[in-house]
Protein backbone atom coordinates (compact mmCIF):
# COMPACT_ATOMS: atom_id res chain seq x y z
CA UNK A 1 -43.54 10.35 24.52
CA UNK A 2 -45.87 10.21 21.51
CA UNK A 3 -45.15 8.87 18.04
CA UNK A 4 -44.40 12.29 16.61
CA UNK A 5 -41.81 13.01 19.32
CA UNK A 6 -40.16 9.57 18.70
CA UNK A 7 -40.06 10.26 14.94
CA UNK A 8 -38.58 13.71 15.58
CA UNK A 9 -35.86 12.33 17.81
CA UNK A 10 -35.08 9.56 15.25
CA UNK A 11 -34.79 12.23 12.53
CA UNK A 12 -32.48 14.35 14.75
CA UNK A 13 -30.34 11.21 15.37
CA UNK A 14 -30.20 10.38 11.66
CA UNK A 15 -29.57 13.90 10.28
CA UNK A 16 -27.41 15.46 12.99
CA UNK A 17 -24.13 16.45 11.27
CA UNK A 18 -22.25 15.74 14.50
CA UNK A 19 -21.09 12.24 15.29
CA UNK A 20 -23.15 10.63 17.99
CA UNK A 21 -22.10 7.48 19.77
CA UNK A 22 -23.48 5.52 22.74
CA UNK A 23 -21.29 3.06 24.61
CA UNK A 24 -22.37 0.71 27.40
CA UNK A 25 -20.59 0.31 30.72
CA UNK A 26 -18.59 -2.62 29.28
CA UNK A 27 -17.17 -0.11 26.71
CA UNK A 28 -19.01 -1.75 23.75
CA UNK A 29 -20.70 0.39 21.12
CA UNK A 30 -24.50 0.31 21.43
CA UNK A 31 -25.45 2.94 18.81
CA UNK A 32 -23.80 5.27 16.42
CA UNK A 33 -25.45 7.71 14.03
CA UNK A 34 -24.65 8.03 10.30
CA UNK A 35 -22.42 11.09 10.86
CA UNK A 36 -20.28 9.14 13.24
CA UNK A 37 -19.99 6.25 10.80
CA UNK A 38 -19.06 8.62 8.00
CA UNK A 39 -16.41 10.32 10.21
CA UNK A 40 -14.77 7.06 11.08
CA UNK A 41 -15.33 5.41 7.64
CA UNK A 42 -17.42 2.50 9.05
CA UNK A 43 -20.88 1.17 8.73
CA UNK A 44 -23.20 0.68 11.73
CA UNK A 45 -23.03 -3.03 11.28
CA UNK A 46 -19.25 -2.86 11.59
CA UNK A 47 -19.39 -1.18 14.95
CA UNK A 48 -22.48 -2.28 16.82
CA UNK A 49 -21.58 -4.47 19.83
CA UNK A 50 -17.88 -4.02 19.07
CA UNK A 51 -15.45 -2.87 21.72
CA UNK A 52 -15.25 0.97 21.49
CA UNK A 53 -11.48 0.89 21.48
CA UNK A 54 -11.44 -0.90 18.07
CA UNK A 55 -12.68 2.38 16.52
CA UNK A 56 -11.81 5.06 19.09
CA UNK A 57 -8.38 3.67 19.91
CA UNK A 58 -8.09 5.41 23.29
CA UNK A 59 -11.15 5.13 25.47
CA UNK A 60 -9.72 6.40 28.69
CA UNK A 61 -11.91 9.44 28.65
CA UNK A 62 -15.03 7.32 28.35
CA UNK A 63 -13.83 5.18 31.18
CA UNK A 64 -13.12 8.26 33.32
CA UNK A 65 -16.57 9.62 32.63
CA UNK A 66 -18.19 6.35 33.55
CA UNK A 67 -16.13 5.74 36.74
CA UNK A 68 -16.25 9.28 38.08
CA UNK A 69 -19.69 10.22 36.72
CA UNK A 70 -18.30 13.47 35.31
CA UNK A 71 -18.85 15.33 32.01
CA UNK A 72 -15.96 16.11 29.68
CA UNK A 73 -16.65 19.20 27.57
CA UNK A 74 -14.88 20.74 24.56
CA UNK A 75 -12.06 18.20 24.53
CA UNK A 76 -10.17 18.18 21.27
CA UNK A 77 -9.21 14.64 20.29
CA UNK A 78 -7.22 13.46 17.40
CA UNK A 79 -7.87 10.13 15.73
CA UNK A 80 -4.80 9.82 13.54
CA UNK A 81 -5.81 6.41 11.99
CA UNK A 82 -8.80 8.17 10.58
CA UNK A 83 -7.22 11.54 9.85
CA UNK A 84 -9.75 13.13 12.13
CA UNK A 85 -9.90 15.86 14.75
CA UNK A 86 -13.04 16.27 16.83
CA UNK A 87 -14.20 18.40 19.65
CA UNK A 88 -16.17 16.17 21.90
CA UNK A 89 -18.60 16.19 24.72
CA UNK A 90 -18.70 12.97 26.79
CA UNK A 91 -21.28 12.21 29.48
CA UNK A 92 -22.76 9.29 31.26
CA UNK A 93 -26.34 8.38 31.95
CA UNK A 94 -25.71 6.07 34.90
CA UNK A 95 -29.32 4.89 35.35
CA UNK A 96 -29.29 3.71 31.70
CA UNK A 97 -25.80 2.19 31.99
CA UNK A 98 -24.51 4.16 29.05
CA UNK A 99 -21.90 6.75 28.09
CA UNK A 100 -22.72 9.11 25.24
CA UNK A 101 -20.55 11.34 23.12
CA UNK A 102 -21.23 14.15 20.68
CA UNK A 103 -18.31 14.69 18.29
CA UNK A 104 -18.00 17.73 16.14
CA UNK A 105 -15.60 17.30 13.23
CA UNK A 106 -13.02 20.15 13.40
CA UNK A 107 -10.51 18.53 11.02
CA UNK A 108 -10.74 21.37 8.40
CA UNK A 109 -10.24 24.06 11.12
CA UNK A 110 -7.19 22.27 12.58
CA UNK A 111 -5.66 21.71 9.12
CA UNK A 112 -6.29 25.35 8.21
CA UNK A 113 -4.65 26.40 11.46
CA UNK A 114 -1.68 24.07 10.87
CA UNK A 115 -1.40 25.45 7.29
CA UNK A 116 -1.41 29.05 8.66
CA UNK A 117 1.17 28.15 11.23
CA UNK A 118 3.38 26.57 8.58
CA UNK A 119 3.02 29.60 6.31
CA UNK A 120 3.85 31.93 9.22
CA UNK A 121 6.91 29.92 10.12
CA UNK A 122 8.01 29.85 6.44
CA UNK A 123 7.51 33.58 6.15
CA UNK A 124 9.51 34.23 9.32
CA UNK A 125 12.32 32.00 8.04
CA UNK A 126 12.37 33.95 4.66
CA UNK A 127 12.40 37.24 6.40
CA UNK A 128 15.27 36.14 8.62
CA UNK A 129 17.14 34.89 5.47
CA UNK A 130 16.68 38.24 3.76
CA UNK A 131 17.80 40.14 6.81
CA UNK A 132 20.85 37.91 7.13
CA UNK A 133 21.81 38.44 3.48
CA UNK A 134 21.39 42.16 3.88
CA UNK A 135 23.54 42.21 6.95
CA UNK A 136 26.23 40.26 5.13
CA UNK A 137 26.15 42.70 2.23
CA UNK A 138 26.35 45.71 4.64
CA UNK A 139 29.35 44.06 6.39
CA UNK A 140 31.07 43.52 3.02
CA UNK A 141 30.40 47.07 2.01
CA UNK A 142 31.61 48.35 5.34
CA UNK A 143 34.77 46.29 4.92
CA UNK A 144 35.40 47.55 1.42
CA UNK A 145 34.83 51.19 2.64
CA UNK A 146 37.16 50.55 5.47
CA UNK A 147 39.89 49.24 3.14
CA UNK A 148 39.37 52.08 0.69
CA UNK A 149 39.46 54.65 3.49
CA UNK A 150 42.68 53.16 4.87
CA UNK A 151 44.31 53.10 1.41
CA UNK A 152 43.15 56.70 0.85
CA UNK A 153 44.60 57.77 4.21
CA UNK A 154 47.91 56.05 3.46
CA UNK A 155 47.98 57.78 0.08
CA UNK A 156 47.17 61.14 1.55
CA UNK A 157 49.70 60.80 4.24
CA UNK A 158 52.37 60.07 1.64
CA UNK A 159 51.38 63.12 -0.34
CA UNK A 160 51.49 65.22 2.83
CA UNK A 161 54.84 63.73 3.80
CA UNK A 162 56.19 64.42 0.23
CA UNK A 163 54.87 68.00 0.33
CA UNK A 164 56.33 68.61 3.72
CA UNK A 165 59.71 67.23 2.83
CA UNK A 166 59.56 69.15 -0.49
CA UNK A 167 59.15 72.46 1.35
CA UNK A 168 62.55 72.09 3.05
CA UNK A 169 64.44 72.82 -0.19
């Protein structure tokens, strides 16, 4: 690889908006790009050579990728201590003794979805409350109409009875 390619790859590493992290087979952090450090609120010096679980909390996916030599794609992972949701790709490069991960920050999308779900649930709750109130009013009106109808019927029956008994004279 010539110098221009090395420079280009270094620039990609530095300016990629996705978090990039490389972990060795002992599950220690070897490299992390600036986007990763920003996502997790750390500096590179804070994380280099540190156990990955100090930052990532749960490293079981990384261990599985290493042990089974598989690739995990499109996994949504929450990092609650950092208020972060990422979609990640995790793969190993066995001959280099490393596991790499590309993390796309989807926190805003998840929060927007959660806000929409909350709004939808609140709207459904309000609609149900309005329908319940309307049903209660309808039942009260029906009850009043029933009472009035019954009273009217009793009154009319008394008038009919009076008229019928009045005809006997």
